[in-house]
Amino acid sequence: MTTLQLNTSLFGEGGESTRLASEFVAPRGGKVIVRDLAKNPVPHIDAARFGAFLAKPDARTPEQQAVIDYSDALIAELREADTIVIGLPMYNFSVPSTLRAYFDHVARAGVTFKYTDKGPVGLLTGKKAYVFVTRGGVYGDDHIHAKYVRDFLAFIVITYVDFIYAEGLAISPASKEAALAKAREVIARLTLKKPQFALT
């Protein structure tokens, strides 16, 4: 079993989302790939990088091929993983921009999804994802913050996703303590339960 852990907190290992994700991953065993998107951010998409994705393989410049190689390496980690674990803090009502940049590099037509006459179809089948959401306030499951991640994972056909929330972390010390304790109760239950899902 291989787990890919994506950490996105600006505070690194000290971020609450990272701590929760790590507490979940630690007892699982198997191979763990950790990618810290704050410490080693993925470049944001610009015209040059997008042009590399569009260029035909035999027409790519060396610079464009380097962009593709970098994207391919990210996708290889994603393909290898049976389980994807994401630490997801909220910054200004949205996801960290580094996670958005990562998504931009792993969403590649013909690689992680394909276009059909019925619309796009994801190609990363048979994976489970756990997303550890931390927020200073209380916004609930329907907020665009989590919905964006859910929709993106579904787009590349990772549809078996659990969201674990720790909200109200900035309201008061008591609120923070209660929210983290509740999240850790969920982690304890998930750790005892073997993931079961269809490989489609």
Protein backbone atom coordinates (compact mmCIF):
# COMPACT_ATOMS: atom_id res chain seq x y z
CA MET A 1 0.00 0.00 0.00
CA THR A 2 1.29 3.45 -0.94
CA THR A 3 0.04 6.71 0.56
CA LEU A 4 0.63 10.12 -0.98
CA GLN A 5 0.43 12.88 1.65
CA LEU A 6 0.02 16.41 0.34
CA ASN A 7 0.81 19.04 2.97
CA THR A 8 -0.24 22.60 2.13
CA SER A 9 -0.01 24.52 5.40
CA LEU A 10 2.22 27.60 5.43
CA PHE A 11 3.33 26.47 8.89
CA GLY A 12 4.79 23.18 7.68
CA GLU A 13 4.78 20.39 10.24
CA GLY A 14 3.38 22.85 12.80
CA GLY A 15 0.18 23.43 10.82
CA GLU A 16 -2.91 21.81 12.30
CA SER A 17 -3.95 20.30 8.95
CA THR A 18 -0.49 18.76 8.56
CA ARG A 19 -0.54 17.39 12.10
CA LEU A 20 -3.92 15.75 11.60
CA ALA A 21 -2.91 14.29 8.23
CA SER A 22 0.34 12.95 9.70
CA GLU A 23 -1.45 11.42 12.70
CA PHE A 24 -3.72 9.59 10.27
CA VAL A 25 -0.92 8.41 7.98
CA ALA A 26 1.59 7.30 10.66
CA PRO A 27 -0.11 4.06 11.76
CA ARG A 28 -1.18 2.95 8.30
CA GLY A 29 2.09 1.35 7.29
CA GLY A 30 3.32 0.78 3.75
CA LYS A 31 5.15 3.32 1.64
CA VAL A 32 4.49 6.99 2.30
CA ILE A 33 5.30 9.75 -0.19
CA VAL A 34 5.18 13.18 1.43
CA ARG A 35 4.98 16.25 -0.79
CA ASP A 36 5.10 19.56 1.07
CA LEU A 37 3.60 22.10 -1.31
CA ALA A 38 4.46 25.03 0.95
CA LYS A 39 8.11 24.08 1.41
CA ASN A 40 8.53 23.03 -2.23
CA PRO A 41 5.78 24.85 -4.12
CA VAL A 42 4.68 23.80 -7.58
CA PRO A 43 5.06 26.73 -10.01
CA HIS A 44 1.85 28.48 -10.88
CA ILE A 45 0.64 28.06 -14.42
CA ASP A 46 1.62 30.78 -16.87
CA ALA A 47 1.39 31.00 -20.64
CA ALA A 48 4.74 29.29 -21.17
CA ARG A 49 3.93 26.31 -18.94
CA PHE A 50 0.45 25.95 -20.42
CA GLY A 51 2.00 26.05 -23.88
CA ALA A 52 4.22 23.12 -22.91
CA PHE A 53 1.13 21.07 -22.04
CA LEU A 54 -0.39 21.86 -25.44
CA ALA A 55 2.72 21.25 -27.55
CA LYS A 56 3.02 18.00 -29.48
CA PRO A 57 5.73 15.71 -28.05
CA ASP A 58 7.92 15.90 -31.15
CA ALA A 59 7.63 19.70 -31.27
CA ARG A 60 8.52 20.51 -27.67
CA THR A 61 11.48 22.71 -26.90
CA PRO A 62 13.91 21.56 -24.17
CA GLU A 63 12.26 24.04 -21.81
CA GLN A 64 8.82 22.66 -22.59
CA GLN A 65 10.03 19.10 -22.11
CA ALA A 66 11.35 20.05 -18.67
CA VAL A 67 7.87 21.31 -17.75
CA ILE A 68 6.34 18.03 -18.94
CA ASP A 69 8.92 15.97 -17.06
CA TYR A 70 8.09 17.85 -13.86
CA SER A 71 4.36 17.33 -14.36
CA ASP A 72 4.93 13.65 -15.19
CA ALA A 73 6.83 13.18 -11.91
CA LEU A 74 3.91 14.60 -9.93
CA ILE A 75 1.47 12.39 -11.80
CA ALA A 76 3.67 9.32 -11.26
CA GLU A 77 3.38 9.83 -7.49
CA LEU A 78 -0.37 10.18 -7.82
CA ARG A 79 -0.62 7.03 -9.95
CA GLU A 80 1.49 5.02 -7.52
CA ALA A 81 -0.61 5.94 -4.51
CA ASP A 82 -3.53 3.81 -3.38
CA THR A 83 -4.50 6.50 -0.89
CA ILE A 84 -4.20 10.28 -1.14
CA VAL A 85 -4.18 12.31 2.07
CA ILE A 86 -4.51 16.10 1.85
CA GLY A 87 -3.99 18.62 4.63
CA LEU A 88 -6.31 21.48 3.68
CA PRO A 89 -6.25 24.73 5.64
CA MET A 90 -8.47 27.61 4.56
CA TYR A 91 -6.76 30.83 3.46
CA ASN A 92 -9.00 33.79 2.60
CA PHE A 93 -12.04 31.53 2.06
CA SER A 94 -10.20 29.27 -0.40
CA VAL A 95 -7.60 26.55 -0.80
CA PRO A 96 -3.87 27.35 -0.59
CA SER A 97 -2.71 28.59 -3.99
CA THR A 98 0.04 25.98 -3.98
CA LEU A 99 -2.58 23.21 -4.01
CA ARG A 100 -4.31 24.87 -6.94
CA ALA A 101 -0.96 24.98 -8.77
CA TYR A 102 -0.46 21.28 -8.02
CA PHE A 103 -3.90 20.47 -9.40
CA ASP A 104 -3.10 22.47 -12.54
CA HIS A 105 -0.03 20.27 -13.13
CA VAL A 106 -1.71 16.91 -12.58
CA ALA A 107 -4.87 17.60 -14.60
CA ARG A 108 -3.57 16.68 -18.05
CA ALA A 109 -5.78 15.74 -20.98
CA GLY A 110 -4.91 12.28 -22.23
CA VAL A 111 -2.93 11.52 -19.08
CA THR A 112 -5.16 11.86 -16.00
CA PHE A 113 -8.41 12.47 -17.87
CA LYS A 114 -9.67 12.21 -21.44
CA TYR A 115 -12.34 13.94 -23.47
CA THR A 116 -15.16 11.82 -24.87
CA ASP A 117 -18.38 12.53 -26.71
CA LYS A 118 -20.08 12.38 -23.32
CA GLY A 119 -17.67 14.80 -21.67
CA PRO A 120 -14.39 14.40 -19.76
CA VAL A 121 -13.63 11.07 -18.09
CA GLY A 122 -11.09 10.66 -15.28
CA LEU A 123 -8.36 8.05 -15.59
CA LEU A 124 -7.07 7.67 -12.01
CA THR A 125 -9.25 4.81 -10.85
CA GLY A 126 -9.22 2.70 -7.69
CA LYS A 127 -8.03 5.33 -5.23
CA LYS A 128 -9.26 6.60 -1.87
CA ALA A 129 -8.74 10.12 -0.55
CA TYR A 130 -8.88 11.63 2.92
CA VAL A 131 -8.95 15.41 3.26
CA PHE A 132 -8.19 17.07 6.61
CA VAL A 133 -9.88 20.45 6.59
CA THR A 134 -8.87 23.10 9.14
CA ARG A 135 -10.56 26.50 9.42
CA GLY A 136 -10.46 29.43 11.79
CA GLY A 137 -14.23 29.87 11.55
CA VAL A 138 -17.14 27.52 11.03
CA TYR A 139 -18.34 27.15 7.43
CA GLY A 140 -19.62 23.60 7.04
CA ASP A 141 -19.34 20.92 4.39
CA ASP A 142 -20.99 22.89 1.58
CA HIS A 143 -18.46 25.73 1.50
CA ILE A 144 -16.64 26.22 -1.82
CA HIS A 145 -13.34 25.57 0.01
CA ALA A 146 -14.04 21.84 0.33
CA LYS A 147 -16.36 21.63 -2.67
CA TYR A 148 -13.56 22.70 -5.03
CA VAL A 149 -11.32 19.87 -3.83
CA ARG A 150 -14.17 17.36 -3.97
CA ASP A 151 -15.05 18.42 -7.52
CA PHE A 152 -11.44 18.28 -8.70
CA LEU A 153 -10.85 14.81 -7.28
CA ALA A 154 -14.08 13.62 -8.89
CA PHE A 155 -12.93 15.08 -12.21
CA ILE A 156 -9.92 12.74 -12.25
CA VAL A 157 -12.26 9.99 -10.93
CA ILE A 158 -11.19 9.91 -7.28
CA THR A 159 -14.73 9.83 -5.96
CA TYR A 160 -14.28 7.85 -2.75
CA VAL A 161 -13.36 10.75 -0.46
CA ASP A 162 -13.68 11.35 3.28
CA PHE A 163 -13.53 14.91 4.61
CA ILE A 164 -12.48 15.31 8.25
CA TYR A 165 -13.14 18.78 9.67
CA ALA A 166 -11.59 20.82 12.45
CA GLU A 167 -13.39 24.17 12.42
CA GLY A 168 -13.54 27.16 14.73
CA LEU A 169 -9.83 27.00 15.49
CA ALA A 170 -9.53 30.78 15.79
CA ILE A 171 -12.70 31.38 17.82
CA SER A 172 -11.26 30.51 21.21
CA PRO A 173 -8.79 28.10 22.83
CA ALA A 174 -11.71 25.96 23.99
CA SER A 175 -13.24 25.87 20.51
CA LYS A 176 -9.89 24.89 19.01
CA GLU A 177 -9.32 22.14 21.56
CA ALA A 178 -12.80 20.70 21.02
CA ALA A 179 -12.54 20.78 17.22
CA LEU A 180 -9.15 19.05 17.18
CA ALA A 181 -10.32 16.45 19.67
CA LYS A 182 -13.34 15.68 17.50
CA ALA A 183 -11.13 15.33 14.41
CA ARG A 184 -8.82 12.98 16.30
CA GLU A 185 -11.81 10.84 17.29
CA VAL A 186 -12.59 10.45 13.59
CA ILE A 187 -8.96 9.58 12.89
CA ALA A 188 -9.08 6.89 15.57
CA ARG A 189 -12.18 5.33 14.00
CA LEU A 190 -10.73 5.48 10.50
CA THR A 191 -7.44 3.97 11.65
CA LEU A 192 -9.28 0.94 13.02
CA LYS A 193 -11.32 0.51 9.83
CA LYS A 194 -9.73 -0.98 6.76
CA PRO A 195 -10.65 1.02 3.64
CA GLN A 196 -13.01 -0.85 1.35
CA PHE A 197 -13.85 0.43 -2.08
CA ALA A 198 -14.37 -0.91 -5.57
CA LEU A 199 -11.51 -0.66 -8.01
CA THR A 200 -13.35 0.70 -11.04
